[in-house]
Amino acid sequence: KQPEWLPEGYTFQSGEIVPPYYHF
């Protein structure tokens, strides 16, 4: 979820959902 606190002036730009991939 969006953090309840952000530095002043920073607003939501975009969200990403990444498919599952694995560490070697």
PDB file of all heavy atoms in Angstrom:
ATOM      1  N   LYS A   1       0.834  -1.194   0.000  1.00  0.00           N
ATOM      2  CA  LYS A   1       0.000   0.000   0.000  1.00  0.00           C
ATOM      3  C   LYS A   1       0.872   1.249   0.000  1.00  0.00           C
ATOM      4  O   LYS A   1       2.054   1.195   0.374  1.00  0.00           O
ATOM      5  CB  LYS A   1      -0.927   0.012   1.214  1.00  0.00           C
ATOM      6  CG  LYS A   1      -2.000  -1.068   1.162  1.00  0.00           C
ATOM      7  CD  LYS A   1      -2.992  -0.902   2.293  1.00  0.00           C
ATOM      8  CE  LYS A   1      -4.109  -1.941   2.184  1.00  0.00           C
ATOM      9  NZ  LYS A   1      -5.115  -1.791   3.262  1.00  0.00           N
ATOM     10  N   GLN A   2       0.291   2.327  -0.425  1.00  0.00           N
ATOM     11  CA  GLN A   2       1.028   3.581  -0.446  1.00  0.00           C
ATOM     12  C   GLN A   2       1.475   3.935   0.976  1.00  0.00           C
ATOM     13  O   GLN A   2       0.679   3.872   1.919  1.00  0.00           O
ATOM     14  CB  GLN A   2       0.143   4.694  -1.014  1.00  0.00           C
ATOM     15  CG  GLN A   2       0.866   6.026  -1.139  1.00  0.00           C
ATOM     16  CD  GLN A   2       0.075   7.005  -1.982  1.00  0.00           C
ATOM     17  OE1 GLN A   2      -0.460   6.639  -3.019  1.00  0.00           O
ATOM     18  NE2 GLN A   2       0.010   8.255  -1.537  1.00  0.00           N
ATOM     19  N   PRO A   3       2.768   4.273   1.154  1.00  0.00           N
ATOM     20  CA  PRO A   3       3.247   4.643   2.495  1.00  0.00           C
ATOM     21  C   PRO A   3       2.413   5.776   3.078  1.00  0.00           C
ATOM     22  O   PRO A   3       1.990   6.688   2.361  1.00  0.00           O
ATOM     23  CB  PRO A   3       4.692   5.087   2.220  1.00  0.00           C
ATOM     24  CG  PRO A   3       5.081   4.388   0.956  1.00  0.00           C
ATOM     25  CD  PRO A   3       3.835   4.328   0.140  1.00  0.00           C
ATOM     26  N   GLU A   4       2.191   5.713   4.372  1.00  0.00           N
ATOM     27  CA  GLU A   4       1.405   6.760   5.024  1.00  0.00           C
ATOM     28  C   GLU A   4       2.176   8.075   5.134  1.00  0.00           C
ATOM     29  O   GLU A   4       1.592   9.129   5.357  1.00  0.00           O
ATOM     30  CB  GLU A   4       0.961   6.277   6.409  1.00  0.00           C
ATOM     31  CG  GLU A   4       0.011   5.085   6.332  1.00  0.00           C
ATOM     32  CD  GLU A   4      -0.512   4.692   7.699  1.00  0.00           C
ATOM     33  OE1 GLU A   4      -0.254   5.436   8.670  1.00  0.00           O
ATOM     34  OE2 GLU A   4      -1.182   3.651   7.798  1.00  0.00           O
ATOM     35  N   TRP A   5       3.502   7.978   4.985  1.00  0.00           N
ATOM     36  CA  TRP A   5       4.311   9.203   4.992  1.00  0.00           C
ATOM     37  C   TRP A   5       5.278   9.193   3.831  1.00  0.00           C
ATOM     38  O   TRP A   5       5.915   8.174   3.535  1.00  0.00           O
ATOM     39  CB  TRP A   5       5.116   9.325   6.278  1.00  0.00           C
ATOM     40  CG  TRP A   5       5.915  10.616   6.326  1.00  0.00           C
ATOM     41  CD1 TRP A   5       5.497  11.826   6.784  1.00  0.00           C
ATOM     42  CD2 TRP A   5       7.254  10.813   5.852  1.00  0.00           C
ATOM     43  NE1 TRP A   5       6.493  12.777   6.626  1.00  0.00           N
ATOM     44  CE2 TRP A   5       7.587  12.177   6.058  1.00  0.00           C
ATOM     45  CE3 TRP A   5       8.207   9.972   5.266  1.00  0.00           C
ATOM     46  CZ2 TRP A   5       8.821  12.725   5.711  1.00  0.00           C
ATOM     47  CZ3 TRP A   5       9.442  10.507   4.912  1.00  0.00           C
ATOM     48  CH2 TRP A   5       9.741  11.864   5.136  1.00  0.00           C
ATOM     49  N   LEU A   6       5.347  10.325   3.126  1.00  0.00           N
ATOM     50  CA  LEU A   6       6.315  10.528   2.056  1.00  0.00           C
ATOM     51  C   LEU A   6       6.916  11.917   2.220  1.00  0.00           C
ATOM     52  O   LEU A   6       6.260  12.826   2.744  1.00  0.00           O
ATOM     53  CB  LEU A   6       5.645  10.428   0.676  1.00  0.00           C
ATOM     54  CG  LEU A   6       5.238   9.039   0.186  1.00  0.00           C
ATOM     55  CD1 LEU A   6       4.349   9.166  -1.047  1.00  0.00           C
ATOM     56  CD2 LEU A   6       6.476   8.204  -0.153  1.00  0.00           C
ATOM     57  N   PRO A   7       8.149  12.124   1.756  1.00  0.00           N
ATOM     58  CA  PRO A   7       8.721  13.471   1.795  1.00  0.00           C
ATOM     59  C   PRO A   7       7.814  14.441   1.042  1.00  0.00           C
ATOM     60  O   PRO A   7       7.136  14.055   0.077  1.00  0.00           O
ATOM     61  CB  PRO A   7      10.068  13.301   1.091  1.00  0.00           C
ATOM     62  CG  PRO A   7      10.406  11.856   1.272  1.00  0.00           C
ATOM     63  CD  PRO A   7       9.098  11.136   1.220  1.00  0.00           C
ATOM     64  N   GLU A   8       7.793  15.661   1.461  1.00  0.00           N
ATOM     65  CA  GLU A   8       6.906  16.669   0.880  1.00  0.00           C
ATOM     66  C   GLU A   8       7.106  16.799  -0.632  1.00  0.00           C
ATOM     67  O   GLU A   8       8.221  16.867  -1.128  1.00  0.00           O
ATOM     68  CB  GLU A   8       7.161  18.027   1.545  1.00  0.00           C
ATOM     69  CG  GLU A   8       6.184  19.112   1.108  1.00  0.00           C
ATOM     70  CD  GLU A   8       6.417  20.425   1.831  1.00  0.00           C
ATOM     71  OE1 GLU A   8       7.263  20.458   2.752  1.00  0.00           O
ATOM     72  OE2 GLU A   8       5.759  21.408   1.470  1.00  0.00           O
ATOM     73  N   GLY A   9       5.976  16.805  -1.352  1.00  0.00           N
ATOM     74  CA  GLY A   9       6.015  17.029  -2.795  1.00  0.00           C
ATOM     75  C   GLY A   9       6.039  15.775  -3.637  1.00  0.00           C
ATOM     76  O   GLY A   9       5.831  15.836  -4.849  1.00  0.00           O
ATOM     77  N   TYR A  10       6.256  14.600  -3.032  1.00  0.00           N
ATOM     78  CA  TYR A  10       6.318  13.348  -3.805  1.00  0.00           C
ATOM     79  C   TYR A  10       4.917  12.745  -3.908  1.00  0.00           C
ATOM     80  O   TYR A  10       4.220  12.570  -2.906  1.00  0.00           O
ATOM     81  CB  TYR A  10       7.264  12.351  -3.137  1.00  0.00           C
ATOM     82  CG  TYR A  10       8.722  12.716  -3.295  1.00  0.00           C
ATOM     83  CD1 TYR A  10       9.308  13.648  -2.443  1.00  0.00           C
ATOM     84  CD2 TYR A  10       9.500  12.161  -4.303  1.00  0.00           C
ATOM     85  CE1 TYR A  10      10.643  14.002  -2.577  1.00  0.00           C
ATOM     86  CE2 TYR A  10      10.830  12.504  -4.448  1.00  0.00           C
ATOM     87  CZ  TYR A  10      11.402  13.438  -3.583  1.00  0.00           C
ATOM     88  OH  TYR A  10      12.729  13.793  -3.739  1.00  0.00           O
ATOM     89  N   THR A  11       4.519  12.448  -5.152  1.00  0.00           N
ATOM     90  CA  THR A  11       3.182  11.905  -5.402  1.00  0.00           C
ATOM     91  C   THR A  11       3.266  10.642  -6.257  1.00  0.00           C
ATOM     92  O   THR A  11       4.264  10.405  -6.946  1.00  0.00           O
ATOM     93  CB  THR A  11       2.290  12.942  -6.125  1.00  0.00           C
ATOM     94  OG1 THR A  11       2.926  13.327  -7.356  1.00  0.00           O
ATOM     95  CG2 THR A  11       2.061  14.167  -5.257  1.00  0.00           C
ATOM     96  N   PHE A  12       2.210   9.847  -6.199  1.00  0.00           N
ATOM     97  CA  PHE A  12       2.154   8.595  -6.956  1.00  0.00           C
ATOM     98  C   PHE A  12       2.352   8.852  -8.441  1.00  0.00           C
ATOM     99  O   PHE A  12       1.709   9.700  -9.035  1.00  0.00           O
ATOM    100  CB  PHE A  12       0.805   7.916  -6.729  1.00  0.00           C
ATOM    101  CG  PHE A  12       0.610   6.649  -7.525  1.00  0.00           C
ATOM    102  CD1 PHE A  12       1.167   5.456  -7.102  1.00  0.00           C
ATOM    103  CD2 PHE A  12      -0.134   6.671  -8.696  1.00  0.00           C
ATOM    104  CE1 PHE A  12       0.987   4.291  -7.833  1.00  0.00           C
ATOM    105  CE2 PHE A  12      -0.324   5.505  -9.436  1.00  0.00           C
ATOM    106  CZ  PHE A  12       0.231   4.313  -9.006  1.00  0.00           C
ATOM    107  N   GLN A  13       3.264   8.110  -9.041  1.00  0.00           N
ATOM    108  CA  GLN A  13       3.509   8.215 -10.481  1.00  0.00           C
ATOM    109  C   GLN A  13       3.006   6.988 -11.229  1.00  0.00           C
ATOM    110  O   GLN A  13       2.299   7.085 -12.218  1.00  0.00           O
ATOM    111  CB  GLN A  13       5.003   8.395 -10.766  1.00  0.00           C
ATOM    112  CG  GLN A  13       5.316   8.577 -12.265  1.00  0.00           C
ATOM    113  CD  GLN A  13       6.811   8.632 -12.523  1.00  0.00           C
ATOM    114  OE1 GLN A  13       7.546   7.725 -12.163  1.00  0.00           O
ATOM    115  NE2 GLN A  13       7.265   9.717 -13.145  1.00  0.00           N
ATOM    116  N   SER A  14       3.377   5.796 -10.754  1.00  0.00           N
ATOM    117  CA  SER A  14       2.933   4.570 -11.417  1.00  0.00           C
ATOM    118  C   SER A  14       3.141   3.365 -10.507  1.00  0.00           C
ATOM    119  O   SER A  14       3.852   3.433  -9.501  1.00  0.00           O
ATOM    120  CB  SER A  14       3.707   4.343 -12.730  1.00  0.00           C
ATOM    121  OG  SER A  14       5.078   4.103 -12.448  1.00  0.00           O
ATOM    122  N   GLY A  15       2.499   2.277 -10.885  1.00  0.00           N
ATOM    123  CA  GLY A  15       2.672   1.021 -10.169  1.00  0.00           C
ATOM    124  C   GLY A  15       3.007  -0.081 -11.158  1.00  0.00           C
ATOM    125  O   GLY A  15       2.598  -0.029 -12.322  1.00  0.00           O
ATOM    126  N   GLU A  16       3.776  -1.054 -10.715  1.00  0.00           N
ATOM    127  CA  GLU A  16       4.157  -2.187 -11.561  1.00  0.00           C
ATOM    128  C   GLU A  16       3.854  -3.498 -10.864  1.00  0.00           C
ATOM    129  O   GLU A  16       3.987  -3.602  -9.640  1.00  0.00           O
ATOM    130  CB  GLU A  16       5.662  -2.160 -11.881  1.00  0.00           C
ATOM    131  CG  GLU A  16       6.112  -1.053 -12.783  1.00  0.00           C
ATOM    132  CD  GLU A  16       7.603  -1.173 -13.097  1.00  0.00           C
ATOM    133  OE1 GLU A  16       8.207  -2.219 -12.765  1.00  0.00           O
ATOM    134  OE2 GLU A  16       8.163  -0.216 -13.652  1.00  0.00           O
ATOM    135  N   ILE A  17       3.472  -4.472 -11.653  1.00  0.00           N
ATOM    136  CA  ILE A  17       3.327  -5.835 -11.168  1.00  0.00           C
ATOM    137  C   ILE A  17       4.288  -6.685 -11.986  1.00  0.00           C
ATOM    138  O   ILE A  17       4.224  -6.697 -13.223  1.00  0.00           O
ATOM    139  CB  ILE A  17       1.887  -6.340 -11.323  1.00  0.00           C
ATOM    140  CG1 ILE A  17       0.971  -5.548 -10.384  1.00  0.00           C
ATOM    141  CG2 ILE A  17       1.792  -7.837 -11.037  1.00  0.00           C
ATOM    142  CD1 ILE A  17      -0.476  -5.849 -10.560  1.00  0.00           C
ATOM    143  N   VAL A  18       5.202  -7.354 -11.292  1.00  0.00           N
ATOM    144  CA  VAL A  18       6.265  -8.107 -11.959  1.00  0.00           C
ATOM    145  C   VAL A  18       5.984  -9.604 -11.872  1.00  0.00           C
ATOM    146  O   VAL A  18       5.715 -10.127 -10.771  1.00  0.00           O
ATOM    147  CB  VAL A  18       7.628  -7.791 -11.312  1.00  0.00           C
ATOM    148  CG1 VAL A  18       8.737  -8.583 -11.989  1.00  0.00           C
ATOM    149  CG2 VAL A  18       7.914  -6.287 -11.394  1.00  0.00           C
ATOM    150  N   PRO A  19       6.054 -10.320 -12.998  1.00  0.00           N
ATOM    151  CA  PRO A  19       5.863 -11.776 -12.970  1.00  0.00           C
ATOM    152  C   PRO A  19       6.910 -12.444 -12.079  1.00  0.00           C
ATOM    153  O   PRO A  19       7.969 -11.861 -11.798  1.00  0.00           O
ATOM    154  CB  PRO A  19       6.075 -12.177 -14.447  1.00  0.00           C
ATOM    155  CG  PRO A  19       5.738 -10.944 -15.215  1.00  0.00           C
ATOM    156  CD  PRO A  19       6.232  -9.811 -14.370  1.00  0.00           C
ATOM    157  N   PRO A  20       6.652 -13.663 -11.626  1.00  0.00           N
ATOM    158  CA  PRO A  20       7.591 -14.347 -10.724  1.00  0.00           C
ATOM    159  C   PRO A  20       8.834 -14.863 -11.458  1.00  0.00           C
ATOM    160  O   PRO A  20       8.728 -15.509 -12.494  1.00  0.00           O
ATOM    161  CB  PRO A  20       6.761 -15.519 -10.190  1.00  0.00           C
ATOM    162  CG  PRO A  20       5.784 -15.802 -11.300  1.00  0.00           C
ATOM    163  CD  PRO A  20       5.449 -14.465 -11.885  1.00  0.00           C
ATOM    164  N   TYR A  21       9.987 -14.531 -10.936  1.00  0.00           N
ATOM    165  CA  TYR A  21      11.245 -15.100 -11.435  1.00  0.00           C
ATOM    166  C   TYR A  21      12.130 -15.354 -10.215  1.00  0.00           C
ATOM    167  O   TYR A  21      11.891 -14.817  -9.146  1.00  0.00           O
ATOM    168  CB  TYR A  21      11.928 -14.169 -12.439  1.00  0.00           C
ATOM    169  CG  TYR A  21      12.350 -12.833 -11.876  1.00  0.00           C
ATOM    170  CD1 TYR A  21      13.644 -12.635 -11.399  1.00  0.00           C
ATOM    171  CD2 TYR A  21      11.459 -11.770 -11.801  1.00  0.00           C
ATOM    172  CE1 TYR A  21      14.030 -11.407 -10.874  1.00  0.00           C
ATOM    173  CE2 TYR A  21      11.833 -10.539 -11.283  1.00  0.00           C
ATOM    174  CZ  TYR A  21      13.126 -10.369 -10.830  1.00  0.00           C
ATOM    175  OH  TYR A  21      13.502  -9.164 -10.295  1.00  0.00           O
ATOM    176  N   TYR A  22      13.174 -16.176 -10.377  1.00  0.00           N
ATOM    177  CA  TYR A  22      13.859 -16.707  -9.204  1.00  0.00           C
ATOM    178  C   TYR A  22      15.357 -16.398  -9.167  1.00  0.00           C
ATOM    179  O   TYR A  22      16.024 -16.357 -10.206  1.00  0.00           O
ATOM    180  CB  TYR A  22      13.666 -18.224  -9.130  1.00  0.00           C
ATOM    181  CG  TYR A  22      12.224 -18.639  -9.269  1.00  0.00           C
ATOM    182  CD1 TYR A  22      11.777 -19.342 -10.393  1.00  0.00           C
ATOM    183  CD2 TYR A  22      11.290 -18.305  -8.293  1.00  0.00           C
ATOM    184  CE1 TYR A  22      10.443 -19.712 -10.515  1.00  0.00           C
ATOM    185  CE2 TYR A  22       9.961 -18.672  -8.419  1.00  0.00           C
ATOM    186  CZ  TYR A  22       9.540 -19.365  -9.537  1.00  0.00           C
ATOM    187  OH  TYR A  22       8.225 -19.722  -9.666  1.00  0.00           O
ATOM    188  N   HIS A  23      15.870 -16.232  -7.950  1.00  0.00           N
ATOM    189  CA  HIS A  23      17.300 -16.080  -7.722  1.00  0.00           C
ATOM    190  C   HIS A  23      17.982 -17.410  -8.041  1.00  0.00           C
ATOM    191  O   HIS A  23      17.433 -18.484  -7.768  1.00  0.00           O
ATOM    192  CB  HIS A  23      17.535 -15.696  -6.257  1.00  0.00           C
ATOM    193  CG  HIS A  23      18.948 -15.337  -5.942  1.00  0.00           C
ATOM    194  ND1 HIS A  23      19.941 -16.279  -5.758  1.00  0.00           N
ATOM    195  CD2 HIS A  23      19.551 -14.124  -5.767  1.00  0.00           C
ATOM    196  CE1 HIS A  23      21.082 -15.679  -5.482  1.00  0.00           C
ATOM    197  NE2 HIS A  23      20.875 -14.368  -5.479  1.00  0.00           N
ATOM    198  N   PHE A  24      19.190 -17.344  -8.611  1.00  0.00           N
ATOM    199  CA  PHE A  24      19.831 -18.578  -9.073  1.00  0.00           C
ATOM    200  C   PHE A  24      20.207 -19.535  -7.936  1.00  0.00           C
ATOM    201  O   PHE A  24      20.466 -20.717  -8.177  1.00  0.00           O
ATOM    202  CB  PHE A  24      21.078 -18.257  -9.915  1.00  0.00           C
ATOM    203  CG  PHE A  24      22.278 -17.816  -9.118  1.00  0.00           C
ATOM    204  CD1 PHE A  24      23.296 -18.712  -8.825  1.00  0.00           C
ATOM    205  CD2 PHE A  24      22.400 -16.501  -8.681  1.00  0.00           C
ATOM    206  CE1 PHE A  24      24.400 -18.308  -8.098  1.00  0.00           C
ATOM    207  CE2 PHE A  24      23.506 -16.087  -7.960  1.00  0.00           C
ATOM    208  CZ  PHE A  24      24.509 -16.996  -7.660  1.00  0.00           C
TER     209      PHE A  24
END
